[in-house]
Amino acid sequence: MCVRLRPGVTLTPIDEVAVLLDERTGRYRQLNATAALVLRSLLAGHGQDEAARDLVRTHPAATPTAEADIAALVAQLRAANLIVETVDREQPR
């Protein structure tokens, strides 16, 4: 499963954190450093398992909850209509 930003959503890194702007609604969502790291990993084509490994590599203390935390982040971004999940790079879900 791949993740991409929904058209009209932009990601702007600011130091270690990031901001998502939904140009359609004008709403911003600030991501902390951990969420920004995970989202960048997902947008690079990594699945949630691989994003969890990326997270744990940077923050070993996240090991017990990394997969659940990433699933929760993806669910929140999906609910906010900021991302689109695809089975592969060509097929929107």
PDB file of N, CA and C in Angstrom:
ATOM      1  N   MET A   1       0.845  -1.170   0.000  1.00  0.00           N
ATOM      2  CA  MET A   1       0.000   0.000   0.000  1.00  0.00           C
ATOM      3  C   MET A   1       0.895   1.240   0.000  1.00  0.00           C
ATOM      4  N   CYS A   2       0.715   2.113  -0.967  1.00  0.00           N
ATOM      5  CA  CYS A   2       1.465   3.365  -1.065  1.00  0.00           C
ATOM      6  C   CYS A   2       0.573   4.527  -0.639  1.00  0.00           C
ATOM      7  N   VAL A   3       1.195   5.564  -0.182  1.00  0.00           N
ATOM      8  CA  VAL A   3       0.486   6.763   0.259  1.00  0.00           C
ATOM      9  C   VAL A   3       0.985   7.931  -0.576  1.00  0.00           C
ATOM     10  N   ARG A   4       0.064   8.781  -0.986  1.00  0.00           N
ATOM     11  CA  ARG A   4       0.447  10.033  -1.645  1.00  0.00           C
ATOM     12  C   ARG A   4      -0.480  11.121  -1.129  1.00  0.00           C
ATOM     13  N   LEU A   5      -0.041  12.360  -1.262  1.00  0.00           N
ATOM     14  CA  LEU A   5      -0.892  13.472  -0.851  1.00  0.00           C
ATOM     15  C   LEU A   5      -2.030  13.620  -1.838  1.00  0.00           C
ATOM     16  N   ARG A   6      -3.198  13.944  -1.330  1.00  0.00           N
ATOM     17  CA  ARG A   6      -4.346  14.211  -2.190  1.00  0.00           C
ATOM     18  C   ARG A   6      -4.022  15.458  -3.007  1.00  0.00           C
ATOM     19  N   PRO A   7      -4.460  15.522  -4.264  1.00  0.00           N
ATOM     20  CA  PRO A   7      -4.230  16.740  -5.048  1.00  0.00           C
ATOM     21  C   PRO A   7      -4.739  17.971  -4.288  1.00  0.00           C
ATOM     22  N   GLY A   8      -3.954  19.024  -4.305  1.00  0.00           N
ATOM     23  CA  GLY A   8      -4.319  20.243  -3.591  1.00  0.00           C
ATOM     24  C   GLY A   8      -3.797  20.292  -2.165  1.00  0.00           C
ATOM     25  N   VAL A   9      -3.041  19.269  -1.759  1.00  0.00           N
ATOM     26  CA  VAL A   9      -2.430  19.252  -0.429  1.00  0.00           C
ATOM     27  C   VAL A   9      -0.927  19.371  -0.622  1.00  0.00           C
ATOM     28  N   THR A  10      -0.311  20.288   0.113  1.00  0.00           N
ATOM     29  CA  THR A  10       1.136  20.466   0.022  1.00  0.00           C
ATOM     30  C   THR A  10       1.776  20.215   1.382  1.00  0.00           C
ATOM     31  N   LEU A  11       2.964  19.674   1.331  1.00  0.00           N
ATOM     32  CA  LEU A  11       3.755  19.400   2.524  1.00  0.00           C
ATOM     33  C   LEU A  11       4.938  20.346   2.521  1.00  0.00           C
ATOM     34  N   THR A  12       5.090  21.111   3.602  1.00  0.00           N
ATOM     35  CA  THR A  12       6.205  22.041   3.723  1.00  0.00           C
ATOM     36  C   THR A  12       7.011  21.693   4.967  1.00  0.00           C
ATOM     37  N   PRO A  13       8.247  21.207   4.776  1.00  0.00           N
ATOM     38  CA  PRO A  13       9.101  20.939   5.938  1.00  0.00           C
ATOM     39  C   PRO A  13       9.587  22.246   6.549  1.00  0.00           C
ATOM     40  N   ILE A  14       9.613  22.274   7.866  1.00  0.00           N
ATOM     41  CA  ILE A  14      10.135  23.425   8.611  1.00  0.00           C
ATOM     42  C   ILE A  14      11.023  22.843   9.696  1.00  0.00           C
ATOM     43  N   ASP A  15      12.332  22.886   9.466  1.00  0.00           N
ATOM     44  CA  ASP A  15      13.291  22.203  10.329  1.00  0.00           C
ATOM     45  C   ASP A  15      12.900  20.733  10.406  1.00  0.00           C
ATOM     46  N   GLU A  16      12.674  20.201  11.604  1.00  0.00           N
ATOM     47  CA  GLU A  16      12.323  18.783  11.737  1.00  0.00           C
ATOM     48  C   GLU A  16      10.826  18.544  11.633  1.00  0.00           C
ATOM     49  N   VAL A  17      10.014  19.562  11.810  1.00  0.00           N
ATOM     50  CA  VAL A  17       8.563  19.414  11.738  1.00  0.00           C
ATOM     51  C   VAL A  17       8.106  19.707  10.313  1.00  0.00           C
ATOM     52  N   ALA A  18       6.810  19.633  10.088  1.00  0.00           N
ATOM     53  CA  ALA A  18       6.277  19.930   8.758  1.00  0.00           C
ATOM     54  C   ALA A  18       4.849  20.452   8.901  1.00  0.00           C
ATOM     55  N   VAL A  19       4.390  21.099   7.849  1.00  0.00           N
ATOM     56  CA  VAL A  19       3.022  21.614   7.800  1.00  0.00           C
ATOM     57  C   VAL A  19       2.366  21.092   6.530  1.00  0.00           C
ATOM     58  N   LEU A  20       1.152  20.589   6.677  1.00  0.00           N
ATOM     59  CA  LEU A  20       0.335  20.205   5.534  1.00  0.00           C
ATOM     60  C   LEU A  20      -0.688  21.301   5.311  1.00  0.00           C
ATOM     61  N   LEU A  21      -0.829  21.749   4.078  1.00  0.00           N
ATOM     62  CA  LEU A  21      -1.829  22.753   3.730  1.00  0.00           C
ATOM     63  C   LEU A  21      -2.810  22.116   2.758  1.00  0.00           C
ATOM     64  N   ASP A  22      -4.076  22.158   3.138  1.00  0.00           N
ATOM     65  CA  ASP A  22      -5.142  21.726   2.236  1.00  0.00           C
ATOM     66  C   ASP A  22      -5.610  22.985   1.521  1.00  0.00           C
ATOM     67  N   GLU A  23      -5.166  23.156   0.279  1.00  0.00           N
ATOM     68  CA  GLU A  23      -5.468  24.371  -0.473  1.00  0.00           C
ATOM     69  C   GLU A  23      -6.963  24.514  -0.753  1.00  0.00           C
ATOM     70  N   ARG A  24      -7.675  23.402  -0.758  1.00  0.00           N
ATOM     71  CA  ARG A  24      -9.116  23.437  -1.021  1.00  0.00           C
ATOM     72  C   ARG A  24      -9.871  24.103   0.133  1.00  0.00           C
ATOM     73  N   THR A  25      -9.447  23.808   1.368  1.00  0.00           N
ATOM     74  CA  THR A  25     -10.144  24.354   2.533  1.00  0.00           C
ATOM     75  C   THR A  25      -9.389  25.500   3.195  1.00  0.00           C
ATOM     76  N   GLY A  26      -8.085  25.636   2.885  1.00  0.00           N
ATOM     77  CA  GLY A  26      -7.263  26.647   3.536  1.00  0.00           C
ATOM     78  C   GLY A  26      -6.801  26.234   4.918  1.00  0.00           C
ATOM     79  N   ARG A  27      -7.043  24.994   5.299  1.00  0.00           N
ATOM     80  CA  ARG A  27      -6.657  24.528   6.633  1.00  0.00           C
ATOM     81  C   ARG A  27      -5.232  23.996   6.634  1.00  0.00           C
ATOM     82  N   TYR A  28      -4.554  24.272   7.745  1.00  0.00           N
ATOM     83  CA  TYR A  28      -3.207  23.774   7.973  1.00  0.00           C
ATOM     84  C   TYR A  28      -3.244  22.679   9.026  1.00  0.00           C
ATOM     85  N   ARG A  29      -2.310  21.758   8.924  1.00  0.00           N
ATOM     86  CA  ARG A  29      -2.124  20.747   9.967  1.00  0.00           C
ATOM     87  C   ARG A  29      -0.631  20.661  10.214  1.00  0.00           C
ATOM     88  N   GLN A  30      -0.224  20.909  11.448  1.00  0.00           N
ATOM     89  CA  GLN A  30       1.190  20.831  11.785  1.00  0.00           C
ATOM     90  C   GLN A  30       1.520  19.406  12.219  1.00  0.00           C
ATOM     91  N   LEU A  31       2.630  18.892  11.707  1.00  0.00           N
ATOM     92  CA  LEU A  31       3.101  17.569  12.077  1.00  0.00           C
ATOM     93  C   LEU A  31       4.339  17.718  12.943  1.00  0.00           C
ATOM     94  N   ASN A  32       4.379  16.988  14.051  1.00  0.00           N
ATOM     95  CA  ASN A  32       5.587  17.021  14.874  1.00  0.00           C
ATOM     96  C   ASN A  32       6.702  16.285  14.131  1.00  0.00           C
ATOM     97  N   ALA A  33       7.886  16.283  14.705  1.00  0.00           N
ATOM     98  CA  ALA A  33       9.045  15.703  14.026  1.00  0.00           C
ATOM     99  C   ALA A  33       8.838  14.224  13.700  1.00  0.00           C
ATOM    100  N   THR A  34       8.234  13.484  14.609  1.00  0.00           N
ATOM    101  CA  THR A  34       8.021  12.055  14.378  1.00  0.00           C
ATOM    102  C   THR A  34       7.021  11.829  13.248  1.00  0.00           C
ATOM    103  N   ALA A  35       5.904  12.536  13.274  1.00  0.00           N
ATOM    104  CA  ALA A  35       4.899  12.390  12.212  1.00  0.00           C
ATOM    105  C   ALA A  35       5.461  12.834  10.868  1.00  0.00           C
ATOM    106  N   ALA A  36       6.267  13.883  10.862  1.00  0.00           N
ATOM    107  CA  ALA A  36       6.875  14.354   9.612  1.00  0.00           C
ATOM    108  C   ALA A  36       7.825  13.299   9.054  1.00  0.00           C
ATOM    109  N   LEU A  37       8.625  12.685   9.914  1.00  0.00           N
ATOM    110  CA  LEU A  37       9.534  11.626   9.489  1.00  0.00           C
ATOM    111  C   LEU A  37       8.765  10.461   8.872  1.00  0.00           C
ATOM    112  N   VAL A  38       7.696  10.050   9.547  1.00  0.00           N
ATOM    113  CA  VAL A  38       6.890   8.930   9.065  1.00  0.00           C
ATOM    114  C   VAL A  38       6.224   9.279   7.735  1.00  0.00           C
ATOM    115  N   LEU A  39       5.629  10.461   7.630  1.00  0.00           N
ATOM    116  CA  LEU A  39       4.952  10.830   6.390  1.00  0.00           C
ATOM    117  C   LEU A  39       5.942  10.903   5.227  1.00  0.00           C
ATOM    118  N   ARG A  40       7.117  11.463   5.462  1.00  0.00           N
ATOM    119  CA  ARG A  40       8.123  11.503   4.397  1.00  0.00           C
ATOM    120  C   ARG A  40       8.504  10.087   3.954  1.00  0.00           C
ATOM    121  N   SER A  41       8.609   9.175   4.895  1.00  0.00           N
ATOM    122  CA  SER A  41       8.928   7.790   4.567  1.00  0.00           C
ATOM    123  C   SER A  41       7.813   7.167   3.731  1.00  0.00           C
ATOM    124  N   LEU A  42       6.568   7.393   4.132  1.00  0.00           N
ATOM    125  CA  LEU A  42       5.430   6.851   3.383  1.00  0.00           C
ATOM    126  C   LEU A  42       5.358   7.450   1.980  1.00  0.00           C
ATOM    127  N   LEU A  43       5.595   8.754   1.874  1.00  0.00           N
ATOM    128  CA  LEU A  43       5.536   9.408   0.566  1.00  0.00           C
ATOM    129  C   LEU A  43       6.687   8.971  -0.339  1.00  0.00           C
ATOM    130  N   ALA A  44       7.763   8.476   0.261  1.00  0.00           N
ATOM    131  CA  ALA A  44       8.891   7.964  -0.516  1.00  0.00           C
ATOM    132  C   ALA A  44       8.605   6.574  -1.075  1.00  0.00           C
ATOM    133  N   GLY A  45       7.424   6.058  -0.777  1.00  0.00           N
ATOM    134  CA  GLY A  45       7.047   4.755  -1.310  1.00  0.00           C
ATOM    135  C   GLY A  45       7.204   3.612  -0.339  1.00  0.00           C
ATOM    136  N   HIS A  46       7.593   3.913   0.881  1.00  0.00           N
ATOM    137  CA  HIS A  46       7.735   2.863   1.883  1.00  0.00           C
ATOM    138  C   HIS A  46       6.355   2.490   2.416  1.00  0.00           C
ATOM    139  N   GLY A  47       6.133   1.214   2.633  1.00  0.00           N
ATOM    140  CA  GLY A  47       4.906   0.767   3.277  1.00  0.00           C
ATOM    141  C   GLY A  47       4.958   1.081   4.760  1.00  0.00           C
ATOM    142  N   GLN A  48       3.872   0.804   5.458  1.00  0.00           N
ATOM    143  CA  GLN A  48       3.822   1.111   6.882  1.00  0.00           C
ATOM    144  C   GLN A  48       4.859   0.314   7.671  1.00  0.00           C
ATOM    145  N   ASP A  49       5.123  -0.933   7.287  1.00  0.00           N
ATOM    146  CA  ASP A  49       6.139  -1.733   7.982  1.00  0.00           C
ATOM    147  C   ASP A  49       7.524  -1.111   7.828  1.00  0.00           C
ATOM    148  N   GLU A  50       7.836  -0.700   6.612  1.00  0.00           N
ATOM    149  CA  GLU A  50       9.138  -0.092   6.357  1.00  0.00           C
ATOM    150  C   GLU A  50       9.244   1.279   7.034  1.00  0.00           C
ATOM    151  N   ALA A  51       8.146   2.031   7.053  1.00  0.00           N
ATOM    152  CA  ALA A  51       8.140   3.322   7.757  1.00  0.00           C
ATOM    153  C   ALA A  51       8.374   3.106   9.249  1.00  0.00           C
ATOM    154  N   ALA A  52       7.822   2.015   9.792  1.00  0.00           N
ATOM    155  CA  ALA A  52       8.050   1.696  11.211  1.00  0.00           C
ATOM    156  C   ALA A  52       9.530   1.410  11.452  1.00  0.00           C
ATOM    157  N   ARG A  53      10.156   0.691  10.540  1.00  0.00           N
ATOM    158  CA  ARG A  53      11.594   0.429  10.675  1.00  0.00           C
ATOM    159  C   ARG A  53      12.387   1.736  10.586  1.00  0.00           C
ATOM    160  N   ASP A  54      11.994   2.631   9.682  1.00  0.00           N
ATOM    161  CA  ASP A  54      12.665   3.934   9.577  1.00  0.00           C
ATOM    162  C   ASP A  54      12.533   4.706  10.888  1.00  0.00           C
ATOM    163  N   LEU A  55      11.345   4.673  11.458  1.00  0.00           N
ATOM    164  CA  LEU A  55      11.089   5.384  12.717  1.00  0.00           C
ATOM    165  C   LEU A  55      11.944   4.808  13.842  1.00  0.00           C
ATOM    166  N   VAL A  56      11.954   3.491  13.970  1.00  0.00           N
ATOM    167  CA  VAL A  56      12.698   2.837  15.054  1.00  0.00           C
ATOM    168  C   VAL A  56      14.202   3.052  14.896  1.00  0.00           C
ATOM    169  N   ARG A  57      14.670   3.117  13.653  1.00  0.00           N
ATOM    170  CA  ARG A  57      16.083   3.387  13.410  1.00  0.00           C
ATOM    171  C   ARG A  57      16.470   4.748  13.990  1.00  0.00           C
ATOM    172  N   THR A  58      15.584   5.720  13.850  1.00  0.00           N
ATOM    173  CA  THR A  58      15.853   7.071  14.343  1.00  0.00           C
ATOM    174  C   THR A  58      15.503   7.223  15.827  1.00  0.00           C
ATOM    175  N   HIS A  59      14.425   6.550  16.245  1.00  0.00           N
ATOM    176  CA  HIS A  59      13.929   6.659  17.626  1.00  0.00           C
ATOM    177  C   HIS A  59      13.696   5.252  18.189  1.00  0.00           C
ATOM    178  N   PRO A  60      14.739   4.593  18.680  1.00  0.00           N
ATOM    179  CA  PRO A  60      14.603   3.225  19.166  1.00  0.00           C
ATOM    180  C   PRO A  60      13.532   3.055  20.246  1.00  0.00           C
ATOM    181  N   ALA A  61      13.278   4.083  21.029  1.00  0.00           N
ATOM    182  CA  ALA A  61      12.270   3.984  22.088  1.00  0.00           C
ATOM    183  C   ALA A  61      10.861   3.802  21.529  1.00  0.00           C
ATOM    184  N   ALA A  62      10.667   4.090  20.239  1.00  0.00           N
ATOM    185  CA  ALA A  62       9.343   3.960  19.625  1.00  0.00           C
ATOM    186  C   ALA A  62       9.002   2.520  19.260  1.00  0.00           C
ATOM    187  N   THR A  63       9.940   1.596  19.436  1.00  0.00           N
ATOM    188  CA  THR A  63       9.761   0.211  18.998  1.00  0.00           C
ATOM    189  C   THR A  63       8.433  -0.410  19.421  1.00  0.00           C
ATOM    190  N   PRO A  64       8.024  -0.320  20.691  1.00  0.00           N
ATOM    191  CA  PRO A  64       6.808  -1.040  21.095  1.00  0.00           C
ATOM    192  C   PRO A  64       5.530  -0.546  20.421  1.00  0.00           C
ATOM    193  N   THR A  65       5.498   0.712  20.032  1.00  0.00           N
ATOM    194  CA  THR A  65       4.243   1.271  19.516  1.00  0.00           C
ATOM    195  C   THR A  65       4.344   1.799  18.091  1.00  0.00           C
ATOM    196  N   ALA A  66       5.482   1.627  17.432  1.00  0.00           N
ATOM    197  CA  ALA A  66       5.707   2.237  16.116  1.00  0.00           C
ATOM    198  C   ALA A  66       4.631   1.863  15.107  1.00  0.00           C
ATOM    199  N   GLU A  67       4.337   0.584  14.960  1.00  0.00           N
ATOM    200  CA  GLU A  67       3.367   0.169  13.950  1.00  0.00           C
ATOM    201  C   GLU A  67       1.974   0.716  14.249  1.00  0.00           C
ATOM    202  N   ALA A  68       1.552   0.672  15.507  1.00  0.00           N
ATOM    203  CA  ALA A  68       0.237   1.193  15.875  1.00  0.00           C
ATOM    204  C   ALA A  68       0.184   2.710  15.709  1.00  0.00           C
ATOM    205  N   ASP A  69       1.275   3.396  16.053  1.00  0.00           N
ATOM    206  CA  ASP A  69       1.312   4.850  15.917  1.00  0.00           C
ATOM    207  C   ASP A  69       1.229   5.266  14.450  1.00  0.00           C
ATOM    208  N   ILE A  70       1.909   4.517  13.585  1.00  0.00           N
ATOM    209  CA  ILE A  70       1.872   4.830  12.153  1.00  0.00           C
ATOM    210  C   ILE A  70       0.483   4.562  11.594  1.00  0.00           C
ATOM    211  N   ALA A  71      -0.125   3.472  11.999  1.00  0.00           N
ATOM    212  CA  ALA A  71      -1.494   3.173  11.549  1.00  0.00           C
ATOM    213  C   ALA A  71      -2.447   4.276  11.996  1.00  0.00           C
ATOM    214  N   ALA A  72      -2.259   4.786  13.217  1.00  0.00           N
ATOM    215  CA  ALA A  72      -3.116   5.863  13.719  1.00  0.00           C
ATOM    216  C   ALA A  72      -2.892   7.148  12.928  1.00  0.00           C
ATOM    217  N   LEU A  73      -1.631   7.462  12.609  1.00  0.00           N
ATOM    218  CA  LEU A  73      -1.336   8.661  11.816  1.00  0.00           C
ATOM    219  C   LEU A  73      -1.980   8.557  10.438  1.00  0.00           C
ATOM    220  N   VAL A  74      -1.832   7.420   9.794  1.00  0.00           N
ATOM    221  CA  VAL A  74      -2.424   7.224   8.466  1.00  0.00           C
ATOM    222  C   VAL A  74      -3.938   7.362   8.548  1.00  0.00           C
ATOM    223  N   ALA A  75      -4.542   6.800   9.577  1.00  0.00           N
ATOM    224  CA  ALA A  75      -5.998   6.908   9.745  1.00  0.00           C
ATOM    225  C   ALA A  75      -6.424   8.364   9.932  1.00  0.00           C
ATOM    226  N   GLN A  76      -5.663   9.132  10.706  1.00  0.00           N
ATOM    227  CA  GLN A  76      -5.991  10.545  10.919  1.00  0.00           C
ATOM    228  C   GLN A  76      -5.852  11.345   9.632  1.00  0.00           C
ATOM    229  N   LEU A  77      -4.787  11.102   8.878  1.00  0.00           N
ATOM    230  CA  LEU A  77      -4.587  11.823   7.618  1.00  0.00           C
ATOM    231  C   LEU A  77      -5.641  11.436   6.594  1.00  0.00           C
ATOM    232  N   ARG A  78      -6.022  10.167   6.600  1.00  0.00           N
ATOM    233  CA  ARG A  78      -7.083   9.709   5.694  1.00  0.00           C
ATOM    234  C   ARG A  78      -8.418  10.355   6.075  1.00  0.00           C
ATOM    235  N   ALA A  79      -8.734  10.382   7.364  1.00  0.00           N
ATOM    236  CA  ALA A  79      -9.989  10.979   7.839  1.00  0.00           C
ATOM    237  C   ALA A  79     -10.049  12.470   7.525  1.00  0.00           C
ATOM    238  N   ALA A  80      -8.897  13.129   7.555  1.00  0.00           N
ATOM    239  CA  ALA A  80      -8.831  14.557   7.229  1.00  0.00           C
ATOM    240  C   ALA A  80      -8.796  14.789   5.721  1.00  0.00           C
ATOM    241  N   ASN A  81      -8.829  13.718   4.942  1.00  0.00           N
ATOM    242  CA  ASN A  81      -8.827  13.771   3.473  1.00  0.00           C
ATOM    243  C   ASN A  81      -7.564  14.451   2.938  1.00  0.00           C
ATOM    244  N   LEU A  82      -6.425  14.149   3.585  1.00  0.00           N
ATOM    245  CA  LEU A  82      -5.161  14.741   3.166  1.00  0.00           C
ATOM    246  C   LEU A  82      -4.315  13.788   2.338  1.00  0.00           C
ATOM    247  N   ILE A  83      -4.586  12.491   2.452  1.00  0.00           N
ATOM    248  CA  ILE A  83      -3.815  11.503   1.708  1.00  0.00           C
ATOM    249  C   ILE A  83      -4.733  10.591   0.911  1.00  0.00           C
ATOM    250  N   VAL A  84      -4.128   9.936  -0.046  1.00  0.00           N
ATOM    251  CA  VAL A  84      -4.790   8.913  -0.843  1.00  0.00           C
ATOM    252  C   VAL A  84      -3.917   7.681  -0.753  1.00  0.00           C
ATOM    253  N   GLU A  85      -4.507   6.546  -0.457  1.00  0.00           N
ATOM    254  CA  GLU A  85      -3.758   5.298  -0.435  1.00  0.00           C
ATOM    255  C   GLU A  85      -3.955   4.589  -1.766  1.00  0.00           C
ATOM    256  N   THR A  86      -2.886   4.012  -2.260  1.00  0.00           N
ATOM    257  CA  THR A  86      -2.952   3.284  -3.520  1.00  0.00           C
ATOM    258  C   THR A  86      -2.355   1.902  -3.335  1.00  0.00           C
ATOM    259  N   VAL A  87      -2.867   0.954  -4.111  1.00  0.00           N
ATOM    260  CA  VAL A  87      -2.330  -0.394  -4.056  1.00  0.00           C
ATOM    261  C   VAL A  87      -0.928  -0.411  -4.649  1.00  0.00           C
ATOM    262  N   ASP A  88      -0.737   0.331  -5.711  1.00  0.00           N
ATOM    263  CA  ASP A  88       0.589   0.551  -6.280  1.00  0.00           C
ATOM    264  C   ASP A  88       0.645   2.012  -6.703  1.00  0.00           C
ATOM    265  N   ARG A  89       1.662   2.416  -7.345  1.00  0.00           N
ATOM    266  CA  ARG A  89       1.814   3.845  -7.687  1.00  0.00           C
ATOM    267  C   ARG A  89       0.799   4.349  -8.704  1.00  0.00           C
ATOM    268  N   GLU A  90       0.136   3.471  -9.441  1.00  0.00           N
ATOM    269  CA  GLU A  90      -0.780   3.916 -10.470  1.00  0.00           C
ATOM    270  C   GLU A  90      -2.257   3.836 -10.091  1.00  0.00           C
ATOM    271  N   GLN A  91      -2.629   2.950  -9.202  1.00  0.00           N
ATOM    272  CA  GLN A  91      -4.026   2.657  -8.952  1.00  0.00           C
ATOM    273  C   GLN A  91      -4.548   3.313  -7.674  1.00  0.00           C
ATOM    274  N   PRO A  92      -5.329   4.424  -7.744  1.00  0.00           N
ATOM    275  CA  PRO A  92      -5.919   4.999  -6.538  1.00  0.00           C
ATOM    276  C   PRO A  92      -6.908   4.024  -5.917  1.00  0.00           C
ATOM    277  N   ARG A  93      -6.980   4.046  -4.611  1.00  0.00           N
ATOM    278  CA  ARG A  93      -7.911   3.191  -3.897  1.00  0.00           C
ATOM    279  C   ARG A  93      -9.223   3.866  -3.658  1.00  0.00           C
TER     280      ARG A  93
END
